[in-house]
Protein backbone atom coordinates (compact mmCIF):
# COMPACT_ATOMS: atom_id res chain seq x y z
CA UNK A 1 0.00 0.00 0.00
CA UNK A 2 1.23 3.45 -0.87
CA UNK A 3 -0.09 6.85 -1.88
CA UNK A 4 -1.15 8.61 -5.06
CA UNK A 5 -0.12 12.27 -5.02
CA UNK A 6 -2.39 14.95 -6.45
CA UNK A 7 -2.23 18.71 -6.82
CA UNK A 8 -5.39 20.64 -6.00
CA UNK A 9 -5.70 24.03 -7.69
CA UNK A 10 -8.14 25.91 -5.46
CA UNK A 11 -9.62 29.18 -6.68
CA UNK A 12 -10.64 32.08 -4.49
CA UNK A 13 -14.30 31.01 -4.48
CA UNK A 14 -13.37 27.61 -3.03
CA UNK A 15 -13.84 25.69 -6.27
CA UNK A 16 -11.01 24.06 -8.14
CA UNK A 17 -9.65 20.99 -9.81
CA UNK A 18 -7.35 18.15 -8.71
CA UNK A 19 -4.77 16.50 -10.97
CA UNK A 20 -2.88 13.29 -10.26
CA UNK A 21 0.90 13.73 -10.40
CA UNK A 22 3.94 11.51 -10.28
CA UNK A 23 6.50 13.72 -8.53
CA UNK A 24 10.17 12.87 -8.82
CA UNK A 25 11.11 12.10 -5.23
CA UNK A 26 14.76 11.29 -5.99
CA UNK A 27 15.89 14.79 -4.84
CA UNK A 28 14.00 14.29 -1.55
CA UNK A 29 15.73 10.94 -1.07
CA UNK A 30 19.12 12.50 -1.81
CA UNK A 31 18.30 15.36 0.60
CA UNK A 32 17.66 12.84 3.37
CA UNK A 33 20.85 10.91 2.50
CA UNK A 34 23.01 14.03 2.62
CA UNK A 35 21.50 15.13 5.92
CA UNK A 36 22.55 11.76 7.32
CA UNK A 37 26.06 12.38 5.94
CA UNK A 38 26.20 15.82 7.59
CA UNK A 39 25.27 14.21 10.91
CA UNK A 40 28.01 11.59 10.57
CA UNK A 41 25.61 8.67 10.12
CA UNK A 42 26.73 7.79 6.57
CA UNK A 43 29.95 8.09 4.61
CA UNK A 44 29.72 10.72 1.84
CA UNK A 45 29.79 8.21 -1.00
CA UNK A 46 27.23 5.79 0.46
CA UNK A 47 23.95 5.32 -1.46
CA UNK A 48 20.54 5.73 0.18
CA UNK A 49 19.19 2.30 1.09
CA UNK A 50 15.76 1.28 2.31
CA UNK A 51 14.21 4.61 1.37
CA UNK A 52 10.53 5.13 2.10
CA UNK A 53 8.21 8.11 2.24
CA UNK A 54 5.26 8.91 4.50
CA UNK A 55 2.83 11.83 4.27
CA UNK A 56 2.84 14.49 6.96
CA UNK A 57 -0.71 15.77 7.19
CA UNK A 58 -1.65 19.44 7.28
CA UNK A 59 -3.64 20.84 10.22
CA UNK A 60 -6.74 20.42 8.04
CA UNK A 61 -5.99 16.70 8.05
CA UNK A 62 -5.87 14.20 5.21
CA UNK A 63 -5.56 14.41 2.27
CA UNK A 64 -3.74 17.76 2.57
CA UNK A 65 0.01 17.63 3.11
CA UNK A 66 2.36 19.86 5.05
CA UNK A 67 5.35 17.81 3.96
CA UNK A 68 6.93 14.38 3.73
CA UNK A 69 8.91 12.19 6.08
CA UNK A 70 11.68 10.38 4.22
CA UNK A 71 13.43 7.50 5.99
CA UNK A 72 16.60 5.64 4.98
CA UNK A 73 18.71 2.94 6.60
CA UNK A 74 22.11 3.75 8.11
CA UNK A 75 24.63 1.62 10.05
CA UNK A 76 23.20 3.29 13.18
CA UNK A 77 19.63 2.35 12.27
CA UNK A 78 16.77 4.14 10.48
CA UNK A 79 17.21 7.87 9.90
CA UNK A 80 14.17 10.08 9.16
CA UNK A 81 14.17 13.59 7.75
CA UNK A 82 11.13 15.83 7.26
CA UNK A 83 10.86 17.76 4.00
CA UNK A 84 8.43 20.61 3.12
CA UNK A 85 6.02 19.97 0.24
CA UNK A 86 7.95 22.07 -2.28
CA UNK A 87 9.22 19.01 -4.16
CA UNK A 88 5.60 17.95 -4.73
CA UNK A 89 4.74 21.35 -6.24
CA UNK A 90 7.83 21.71 -8.43
CA UNK A 91 5.91 21.17 -11.68
CA UNK A 92 2.73 23.01 -10.64
CA UNK A 93 3.19 25.86 -13.13
CA UNK A 94 3.38 23.43 -16.04
CA UNK A 95 0.32 21.53 -14.77
CA UNK A 96 -1.59 24.80 -14.38
CA UNK A 97 -0.71 25.77 -17.95
CA UNK A 98 -2.18 22.49 -19.20
CA UNK A 99 -5.35 23.09 -17.17
CA UNK A 100 -5.71 26.54 -18.73
CA UNK A 101 -5.27 25.08 -22.22
CA UNK A 102 -7.89 22.43 -21.44
CA UNK A 103 -10.35 25.05 -20.17
CA UNK A 104 -10.43 23.93 -16.52
CA UNK A 105 -8.83 27.20 -15.38
CA UNK A 106 -8.72 30.73 -16.71
CA UNK A 107 -5.36 32.37 -17.27
CA UNK A 108 -6.48 35.17 -14.93
CA UNK A 109 -7.50 32.83 -12.07
CA UNK A 110 -5.60 33.26 -8.82
CA UNK A 111 -5.18 29.79 -7.39
CA UNK A 112 -3.67 28.18 -4.32
CA UNK A 113 -1.77 24.97 -5.02
CA UNK A 114 -2.37 22.32 -2.36
CA UNK A 115 -0.49 19.00 -2.49
CA UNK A 116 -2.54 15.99 -1.40
CA UNK A 117 -2.01 12.25 -0.95
CA UNK A 118 -4.52 9.44 -1.32
CA UNK A 119 -4.14 5.75 -0.36
CA UNK A 120 -3.54 3.61 -3.43
CA UNK A 121 -3.02 -0.10 -4.03
CA UNK A 122 -1.17 0.74 -7.24
CA UNK A 123 1.54 2.79 -5.57
CA UNK A 124 4.18 2.15 -2.93
CA UNK A 125 5.84 4.28 -0.29
CA UNK A 126 9.23 2.73 -1.09
CA UNK A 127 11.80 4.99 -2.74
CA UNK A 128 14.49 3.43 -4.88
CA UNK A 129 17.53 4.76 -6.65
CA UNK A 130 20.61 3.30 -8.26
CA UNK A 131 22.80 2.05 -5.40
CA UNK A 132 26.31 3.07 -6.43
CA UNK A 133 29.17 3.58 -4.01
CA UNK A 134 31.31 6.51 -5.16
CA UNK A 135 34.64 7.83 -3.99
CA UNK A 136 33.81 11.11 -2.29
CA UNK A 137 36.72 12.00 0.00
CA UNK A 138 36.43 14.60 2.73
CA UNK A 139 39.35 16.81 3.65
CA UNK A 140 39.88 18.19 7.11
CA UNK A 141 39.67 21.98 7.11
CA UNK A 142 39.15 24.87 9.53
CA UNK A 143 35.75 26.41 8.85
CA UNK A 144 36.47 29.33 11.18
CA UNK A 145 39.58 30.31 9.26
CA UNK A 146 37.72 30.20 5.96
CA UNK A 147 34.98 32.44 7.34
CA UNK A 148 37.56 34.98 8.52
CA UNK A 149 38.99 35.23 5.00
CA UNK A 150 35.71 35.57 3.15
CA UNK A 151 32.67 37.78 2.64
CA UNK A 152 29.04 36.76 2.23
CA UNK A 153 27.46 37.01 -1.21
CA UNK A 154 23.73 36.56 -1.83
CA UNK A 155 20.95 35.37 0.50
CA UNK A 156 22.18 33.16 3.34
CA UNK A 157 19.99 30.31 4.61
CA UNK A 158 20.67 28.64 7.93
CA UNK A 159 20.24 25.07 6.69
CA UNK A 160 22.57 25.43 3.67
CA UNK A 161 26.02 23.92 3.84
CA UNK A 162 28.63 26.72 3.65
CA UNK A 163 30.17 27.21 0.21
CA UNK A 164 33.42 29.08 -0.43
CA UNK A 165 34.38 30.23 -3.92
CA UNK A 166 37.88 31.62 -4.50
CA UNK A 167 37.87 35.24 -5.65
CA UNK A 168 40.10 34.40 -8.62
CA UNK A 169 37.51 31.85 -9.80
CA UNK A 170 34.82 34.53 -9.75
CA UNK A 171 37.11 37.03 -11.47
CA UNK A 172 37.89 34.59 -14.28
CA UNK A 173 34.22 33.69 -14.76
CA UNK A 174 33.25 37.38 -14.81
CA UNK A 175 35.89 38.24 -17.40
CA UNK A 176 34.84 35.32 -19.62
CA UNK A 177 31.19 36.37 -19.35
CA UNK A 178 31.99 39.97 -20.36
CA UNK A 179 34.08 38.84 -23.35
CA UNK A 180 31.44 36.39 -24.58
CA UNK A 181 28.39 38.70 -24.47
CA UNK A 182 25.97 38.52 -26.28
CA UNK A 183 26.55 34.74 -26.14
CA UNK A 184 26.30 32.58 -23.02
CA UNK A 185 29.38 30.72 -21.82
CA UNK A 186 29.92 28.21 -19.03
CA UNK A 187 31.67 25.19 -17.65
CA UNK A 188 31.99 23.10 -14.49
CA UNK A 189 32.91 23.94 -10.91
CA UNK A 190 35.46 21.73 -9.18
CA UNK A 191 36.92 21.69 -5.70
CA UNK A 192 36.85 19.85 -2.40
CA UNK A 193 34.47 18.82 0.35
CA UNK A 194 35.75 19.54 3.86
CA UNK A 195 34.84 18.33 7.32
CA UNK A 196 35.49 20.48 10.38
CA UNK A 197 34.39 20.42 14.01
CA UNK A 198 31.56 22.74 12.94
CA UNK A 199 30.31 20.50 10.13
CA UNK A 200 30.80 20.03 6.38
CA UNK A 201 31.57 22.77 3.87
CA UNK A 202 32.45 23.11 0.19
CA UNK A 203 35.41 24.88 -1.41
CA UNK A 204 35.30 25.74 -5.13
CA UNK A 205 38.90 25.96 -6.36
CA UNK A 206 38.42 26.29 -10.13
CA UNK A 207 35.93 26.88 -12.92
CA UNK A 208 36.82 24.78 -15.96
CA UNK A 209 35.37 26.29 -19.16
CA UNK A 210 33.38 24.04 -21.50
CA UNK A 211 35.12 25.21 -24.65
CA UNK A 212 33.31 22.71 -26.87
CA UNK A 213 29.86 23.67 -25.58
CA UNK A 214 27.36 25.11 -28.06
CA UNK A 215 26.32 28.62 -27.02
CA UNK A 216 23.70 31.11 -28.16
CA UNK A 217 22.22 34.33 -26.77
CA UNK A 218 19.73 32.40 -24.63
CA UNK A 219 21.18 28.92 -24.10
CA UNK A 220 24.32 26.93 -23.33
CA UNK A 221 24.29 23.30 -24.46
CA UNK A 222 26.85 20.82 -23.12
CA UNK A 223 27.77 18.35 -25.89
CA UNK A 224 29.56 14.99 -25.42
CA UNK A 225 32.70 16.66 -26.81
CA UNK A 226 32.37 19.42 -24.20
CA UNK A 227 32.11 16.91 -21.36
CA UNK A 228 35.10 14.95 -22.66
CA UNK A 229 37.21 18.11 -22.87
CA UNK A 230 36.21 19.18 -19.35
CA UNK A 231 37.04 15.75 -17.88
CA UNK A 232 40.42 15.85 -19.62
CA UNK A 233 41.17 19.30 -18.19
CA UNK A 234 40.24 18.19 -14.65
CA UNK A 235 42.42 15.08 -14.96
CA UNK A 236 45.37 17.17 -16.13
CA UNK A 237 45.14 19.30 -12.98
CA UNK A 238 45.84 16.18 -10.90
CA UNK A 239 44.60 17.80 -7.69
CA UNK A 240 41.94 15.26 -6.74
CA UNK A 241 39.20 17.84 -7.19
CA UNK A 242 35.56 16.78 -7.27
CA UNK A 243 32.87 17.85 -9.71
CA UNK A 244 30.78 20.16 -7.51
CA UNK A 245 28.50 21.88 -10.01
CA UNK A 246 28.45 24.12 -13.05
CA UNK A 247 28.38 27.75 -14.05
CA UNK A 248 27.12 29.80 -16.97
CA UNK A 249 26.54 33.41 -17.90
CA UNK A 250 23.42 35.47 -18.54
CA UNK A 251 24.24 38.33 -20.97
CA UNK A 252 21.81 40.80 -19.40
CA UNK A 253 23.33 43.94 -20.97
CA UNK A 254 22.71 42.44 -24.42
CA UNK A 255 19.37 40.84 -23.54
CA UNK A 256 17.74 39.64 -26.76
CA UNK A 257 14.22 40.33 -25.58
CA UNK A 258 14.92 43.86 -24.34
CA UNK A 259 13.57 43.11 -20.86
CA UNK A 260 16.79 43.88 -19.02
CA UNK A 261 19.16 45.77 -21.29
CA UNK A 262 16.75 48.71 -21.54
CA UNK A 263 16.65 49.21 -17.76
CA UNK A 264 18.90 51.69 -15.94
CA UNK A 265 21.98 50.10 -14.30
CA UNK A 266 20.74 50.64 -10.73
CA UNK A 267 17.40 49.02 -11.55
CA UNK A 268 19.19 46.05 -13.09
CA UNK A 269 21.03 45.42 -9.83
CA UNK A 270 17.75 45.25 -7.91
CA UNK A 271 15.77 43.23 -10.45
CA UNK A 272 15.47 39.48 -9.79
CA UNK A 273 15.02 38.81 -13.51
CA UNK A 274 18.45 40.32 -14.12
CA UNK A 275 20.31 39.00 -11.08
CA UNK A 276 18.53 35.91 -9.77
CA UNK A 277 17.26 33.98 -12.77
CA UNK A 278 17.67 30.21 -12.97
CA UNK A 279 15.49 29.27 -15.92
CA UNK A 280 13.43 26.15 -16.44
CA UNK A 281 16.16 24.86 -18.78
CA UNK A 282 18.78 25.61 -16.10
CA UNK A 283 16.80 23.68 -13.51
CA UNK A 284 16.26 20.76 -15.87
CA UNK A 285 20.00 20.48 -16.54
CA UNK A 286 20.81 20.76 -12.84
CA UNK A 287 18.24 18.11 -11.91
CA UNK A 288 19.42 15.80 -14.68
CA UNK A 289 23.18 16.01 -14.10
CA UNK A 290 23.73 17.50 -10.66
CA UNK A 291 21.36 15.57 -8.39
CA UNK A 292 23.81 15.33 -5.48
CA UNK A 293 22.66 17.54 -2.61
CA UNK A 294 25.97 19.44 -2.42
CA UNK A 295 26.10 20.51 -6.09
CA UNK A 296 25.78 24.14 -7.19
CA UNK A 297 24.70 26.21 -10.16
CA UNK A 298 26.52 29.55 -10.39
CA UNK A 299 25.28 32.29 -12.72
CA UNK A 300 27.41 35.22 -13.89
CA UNK A 301 24.87 37.96 -14.68
CA UNK A 302 26.57 40.40 -17.06
CA UNK A 303 24.96 43.74 -16.19
CA UNK A 304 25.68 47.12 -17.75
CA UNK A 305 28.08 48.13 -14.97
CA UNK A 306 29.65 44.76 -14.23
CA UNK A 307 28.99 41.11 -13.39
CA UNK A 308 26.81 40.11 -10.44
CA UNK A 309 26.82 36.46 -9.32
CA UNK A 310 23.86 34.44 -8.15
CA UNK A 311 24.08 30.92 -6.80
CA UNK A 312 21.59 28.03 -6.69
CA UNK A 313 21.58 24.64 -5.01
CA UNK A 314 19.46 21.90 -3.52
CA UNK A 315 17.37 22.63 -0.44
CA UNK A 316 14.64 20.31 0.83
CA UNK A 317 14.48 18.48 -2.48
CA UNK A 318 14.12 21.55 -4.73
CA UNK A 319 16.58 23.88 -6.46
CA UNK A 320 16.60 27.23 -4.65
CA UNK A 321 18.66 30.41 -4.68
CA UNK A 322 21.30 30.41 -1.98
CA UNK A 323 24.28 32.42 -0.86
CA UNK A 324 28.00 31.68 -0.82
CA UNK A 325 31.23 33.10 0.58
CA UNK A 326 33.83 34.79 -1.64
CA UNK A 327 37.20 33.57 -0.41
CA UNK A 328 40.15 35.95 -0.59
CA UNK A 329 43.35 34.77 -2.22
CA UNK A 330 45.60 32.74 0.02
CA UNK A 331 46.21 29.24 1.29
CA UNK A 332 43.05 27.47 2.56
């Protein structure tokens, strides 16, 4: 016995429509696994075993959800982690668009999206993923010292694992973005995972450009040749760095659609479209290739008066904007 998940689109007058969904719960499972790693219950490269999901009911009671409880097995016994319902609503905008096209909703309707769960003999509460042990070494590092040599960039969230990006990495990415405009450029982020007395943190040591990637004014496409070239470049470095995410640019000052380039520089800096955009295509690539909970997506937004960085990563099973720390040059 398991549960069928549905999204209820409730209009202001109390009426609405419910649509069955099949949410991808792999990010929620990975979120639970990484939380167990952060608490020292699993080794970083261990897969999530024995995963299962249970509904957490809203104050209104069933079938409305306030979240999920995901449980996995660890050497210390079962570990459970509660996750908000955001992962269940990740595709709600696309579902709503289909309902509008089918005539069930009007484009002007203001709706509240409510995730629900219903008992079902055709579904199971067991979560499965490919069980692959990977080599994911942790280095010992002083978090306090890193914090002293860095400054905060972007919105900080208490549950996010600290991320440090070397200032020379940001400078190189910014310069490449400025040179490439009006085309997008990008590549991969590599570095190390560290463990300290205060917990885990990430250090980005280099941004390796995807020279063979296919770029346009609105898209960056990683080809097999691009991936092969990037892997070769990382191997040549010989520093034991891990693949920790990716980066790309948004050529705002040459915006094709005229939404951003026409705005005054000061307005650009305050506009989330210009400085905090992670498009549907960006999220699809991140979800497809960078499912690990510690991976990042860094965006170099090329504004009229310079490059502003925004950073995105996994939080509670969904990709969300997050902050990072710019690390000054020096030995870590």
